[in-house]
C-alpha atoms as a PDB file:
ATOM      1  CA  MET A   1     -28.634 -10.196   4.269  1.00  0.00           C
ATOM      2  CA  GLY A   2     -25.953 -12.180   6.041  1.00  0.00           C
ATOM      3  CA  LEU A   3     -22.857 -13.814   4.646  1.00  0.00           C
ATOM      4  CA  CYS A   4     -20.987 -16.850   5.793  1.00  0.00           C
ATOM      5  CA  VAL A   5     -17.541 -16.216   7.271  1.00  0.00           C
ATOM      6  CA  TYR A   6     -15.781 -17.401   4.113  1.00  0.00           C
ATOM      7  CA  HIS A   7     -17.713 -15.072   1.791  1.00  0.00           C
ATOM      8  CA  PHE A   8     -17.433 -12.171   4.208  1.00  0.00           C
ATOM      9  CA  THR A   9     -13.637 -12.494   4.366  1.00  0.00           C
ATOM     10  CA  TRP A  10     -13.480 -12.861   0.584  1.00  0.00           C
ATOM     11  CA  SER A  11     -15.502  -9.655   0.063  1.00  0.00           C
ATOM     12  CA  VAL A  12     -13.400  -7.756   2.627  1.00  0.00           C
ATOM     13  CA  GLU A  13     -10.160  -8.809   0.937  1.00  0.00           C
ATOM     14  CA  GLU A  14     -11.464  -7.720  -2.467  1.00  0.00           C
ATOM     15  CA  ALA A  15     -12.556  -4.371  -1.036  1.00  0.00           C
ATOM     16  CA  CYS A  16      -9.152  -3.928   0.628  1.00  0.00           C
ATOM     17  CA  ALA A  17      -7.353  -4.623  -2.653  1.00  0.00           C
ATOM     18  CA  GLU A  18      -9.495  -2.064  -4.490  1.00  0.00           C
ATOM     19  CA  MET A  19      -9.030   0.570  -1.781  1.00  0.00           C
ATOM     20  CA  HIS A  20      -5.285  -0.088  -1.713  1.00  0.00           C
ATOM     21  CA  ARG A  21      -5.141   0.586  -5.471  1.00  0.00           C
ATOM     22  CA  HIS A  22      -6.984   3.871  -5.015  1.00  0.00           C
ATOM     23  CA  VAL A  23      -4.621   4.949  -2.241  1.00  0.00           C
ATOM     24  CA  ALA A  24      -1.506   3.865  -4.163  1.00  0.00           C
ATOM     25  CA  LEU A  25      -2.612   5.724  -7.291  1.00  0.00           C
ATOM     26  CA  ARG A  26      -3.495   8.735  -5.122  1.00  0.00           C
ATOM     27  CA  ARG A  27      -7.075   8.823  -6.315  1.00  0.00           C
ATOM     28  CA  ALA A  28      -8.573   8.809  -2.818  1.00  0.00           C
ATOM     29  CA  THR A  29      -9.473  12.151  -1.277  1.00  0.00           C
ATOM     30  CA  ALA A  30      -8.999  12.830   2.420  1.00  0.00           C
ATOM     31  CA  GLU A  31     -12.712  12.215   2.986  1.00  0.00           C
ATOM     32  CA  ARG A  32     -12.581   8.908   1.150  1.00  0.00           C
ATOM     33  CA  ARG A  33      -9.522   7.824   3.143  1.00  0.00           C
ATOM     34  CA  ALA A  34     -11.454   8.599   6.341  1.00  0.00           C
ATOM     35  CA  GLU A  35     -14.311   6.402   5.093  1.00  0.00           C
ATOM     36  CA  MET A  36     -11.811   3.648   4.327  1.00  0.00           C
ATOM     37  CA  ALA A  37     -10.357   3.880   7.847  1.00  0.00           C
ATOM     38  CA  THR A  38     -13.849   3.525   9.306  1.00  0.00           C
ATOM     39  CA  TYR A  39     -14.503   0.504   7.080  1.00  0.00           C
ATOM     40  CA  VAL A  40     -11.240  -1.107   8.225  1.00  0.00           C
ATOM     41  CA  SER A  41     -12.115  -0.581  11.894  1.00  0.00           C
ATOM     42  CA  GLU A  42     -15.661  -1.910  11.535  1.00  0.00           C
ATOM     43  CA  CYS A  43     -14.577  -5.011   9.600  1.00  0.00           C
ATOM     44  CA  ALA A  44     -11.816  -5.769  12.099  1.00  0.00           C
ATOM     45  CA  MET A  45     -14.248  -5.485  15.008  1.00  0.00           C
ATOM     46  CA  LEU A  46     -16.782  -7.719  13.275  1.00  0.00           C
ATOM     47  CA  LEU A  47     -14.137 -10.335  12.477  1.00  0.00           C
ATOM     48  CA  ALA A  48     -12.907 -10.266  16.074  1.00  0.00           C
ATOM     49  CA  ARG A  49     -16.444 -10.837  17.365  1.00  0.00           C
ATOM     50  CA  VAL A  50     -17.092 -13.664  14.922  1.00  0.00           C
ATOM     51  CA  THR A  51     -13.872 -15.486  15.725  1.00  0.00           C
ATOM     52  CA  SER A  52     -14.362 -15.259  19.474  1.00  0.00           C
ATOM     53  CA  ASN A  53     -17.754 -17.002  19.358  1.00  0.00           C
ATOM     54  CA  LEU A  54     -17.210 -19.779  16.830  1.00  0.00           C
ATOM     55  CA  CYS A  55     -15.312 -23.015  16.623  1.00  0.00           C
ATOM     56  CA  LEU A  56     -13.603 -22.634  13.255  1.00  0.00           C
ATOM     57  CA  SER A  57     -11.726 -25.006  11.012  1.00  0.00           C
ATOM     58  CA  ASP A  58      -8.032 -24.420  10.394  1.00  0.00           C
ATOM     59  CA  ASP A  59      -8.812 -23.241   6.859  1.00  0.00           C
ATOM     60  CA  LEU A  60     -11.240 -20.613   8.106  1.00  0.00           C
ATOM     61  CA  LYS A  61      -8.804 -19.512  10.807  1.00  0.00           C
ATOM     62  CA  ARG A  62      -6.120 -19.069   8.138  1.00  0.00           C
ATOM     63  CA  ARG A  63      -8.533 -17.144   5.934  1.00  0.00           C
ATOM     64  CA  ILE A  64      -9.521 -14.859   8.817  1.00  0.00           C
ATOM     65  CA  LEU A  65      -5.879 -14.194   9.671  1.00  0.00           C
ATOM     66  CA  CYS A  66      -5.180 -13.298   6.034  1.00  0.00           C
ATOM     67  CA  THR A  67      -8.148 -10.932   6.103  1.00  0.00           C
ATOM     68  CA  PHE A  68      -6.849  -9.296   9.289  1.00  0.00           C
ATOM     69  CA  LEU A  69      -3.494  -8.877   7.550  1.00  0.00           C
ATOM     70  CA  SER A  70      -5.168  -7.251   4.536  1.00  0.00           C
ATOM     71  CA  LEU A  71      -6.999  -4.857   6.852  1.00  0.00           C
ATOM     72  CA  MET A  72      -3.810  -4.014   8.752  1.00  0.00           C
ATOM     73  CA  ASN A  73      -1.880  -3.382   5.524  1.00  0.00           C
ATOM     74  CA  LEU A  74      -4.628  -1.109   4.228  1.00  0.00           C
ATOM     75  CA  ARG A  75      -4.708   0.777   7.520  1.00  0.00           C
ATOM     76  CA  GLU A  76      -0.943   1.275   7.357  1.00  0.00           C
ATOM     77  CA  ASN A  77      -1.173   2.517   3.762  1.00  0.00           C
ATOM     78  CA  LEU A  78      -3.905   4.956   4.759  1.00  0.00           C
ATOM     79  CA  GLU A  79      -1.733   6.318   7.544  1.00  0.00           C
ATOM     80  CA  ARG A  80       1.252   6.727   5.210  1.00  0.00           C
ATOM     81  CA  ALA A  81      -0.719   8.326   2.386  1.00  0.00           C
ATOM     82  CA  PRO A  82       0.154  11.955   1.729  1.00  0.00           C
ATOM     83  CA  SER A  83      -2.534  14.410   2.750  1.00  0.00           C
ATOM     84  CA  GLY A  84      -2.713  16.166  -0.603  1.00  0.00           C
ATOM     85  CA  HIS A  85      -2.581  14.998  -4.144  1.00  0.00           C
ATOM     86  CA  ALA A  86       0.974  14.917  -5.456  1.00  0.00           C
ATOM     87  CA  PRO A  87       1.756  16.303  -8.880  1.00  0.00           C
ATOM     88  CA  GLU A  88       1.980  13.821 -11.675  1.00  0.00           C
ATOM     89  CA  ILE A  89       5.426  12.305 -12.182  1.00  0.00           C
ATOM     90  CA  ARG A  90       6.739  13.036 -15.653  1.00  0.00           C
ATOM     91  CA  VAL A  91       9.163  10.708 -17.396  1.00  0.00           C
ATOM     92  CA  PHE A  92      11.175  12.277 -20.182  1.00  0.00           C
ATOM     93  CA  GLU A  93      12.044  10.446 -23.353  1.00  0.00           C
ATOM     94  CA  PRO A  94      15.656   9.327 -23.820  1.00  0.00           C
ATOM     95  CA  GLY A  95      17.653  11.785 -25.878  1.00  0.00           C
ATOM     96  CA  LEU A  96      15.554  14.729 -24.800  1.00  0.00           C
ATOM     97  CA  PHE A  97      18.505  16.161 -22.880  1.00  0.00           C
ATOM     98  CA  PRO A  98      21.602  15.795 -25.112  1.00  0.00           C
ATOM     99  CA  THR A  99      24.106  17.191 -22.576  1.00  0.00           C
ATOM    100  CA  GLN A 100      26.109  14.836 -20.399  1.00  0.00           C
ATOM    101  CA  ALA A 101      25.685  14.669 -16.673  1.00  0.00           C
ATOM    102  CA  VAL A 102      27.871  17.019 -14.643  1.00  0.00           C
ATOM    103  CA  VAL A 103      30.498  15.141 -12.623  1.00  0.00           C
ATOM    104  CA  PRO A 104      31.672  16.826  -9.393  1.00  0.00           C
ATOM    105  CA  ASP A 105      35.377  17.821  -9.237  1.00  0.00           C
ATOM    106  CA  TRP A 106      36.120  15.605  -6.254  1.00  0.00           C
ATOM    107  CA  LEU A 107      35.095  12.564  -8.304  1.00  0.00           C
ATOM    108  CA  ASN A 108      37.589  13.454 -11.058  1.00  0.00           C
ATOM    109  CA  SER A 109      40.645  13.533  -8.759  1.00  0.00           C
ATOM    110  CA  ASP A 110      43.257  10.756  -9.069  1.00  0.00           C
ATOM    111  CA  SER A 111      42.744   9.691  -5.450  1.00  0.00           C
ATOM    112  CA  ASN A 112      39.148   8.751  -6.268  1.00  0.00           C
ATOM    113  CA  ALA A 113      39.944   6.407  -9.180  1.00  0.00           C
ATOM    114  CA  SER A 114      38.424   3.442  -7.348  1.00  0.00           C
ATOM    115  CA  ILE A 115      35.169   5.339  -6.790  1.00  0.00           C
ATOM    116  CA  ARG A 116      35.076   6.372 -10.456  1.00  0.00           C
ATOM    117  CA  SER A 117      35.361   2.764 -11.562  1.00  0.00           C
ATOM    118  CA  GLN A 118      32.283   1.886  -9.500  1.00  0.00           C
ATOM    119  CA  VAL A 119      30.151   4.682 -10.981  1.00  0.00           C
END
């Protein structure tokens, strides 16, 4: 089953958005990220072949460039993704720690009054 260029770029952009969410939320395993990288490479090659052989309207050229950008952004996110799963970030409720923050001695000196006013 073949798709027209417009629908192909639309489906690639949707897939990139979904994969980006998985990477950002750290739900993608190392194997899945490798599959995503392969997908990015294959789609980019296919788009390059399609654009080199067709006379395209300005709208389609713009759409293809946006799709290339989506693929490049996903590739960059895959490369930056940590190799392991990070522990969950915990946010504590206000008032859970009743003690005040410790201020370093150098900040309390009279010569640092201007710094204190900015803090």
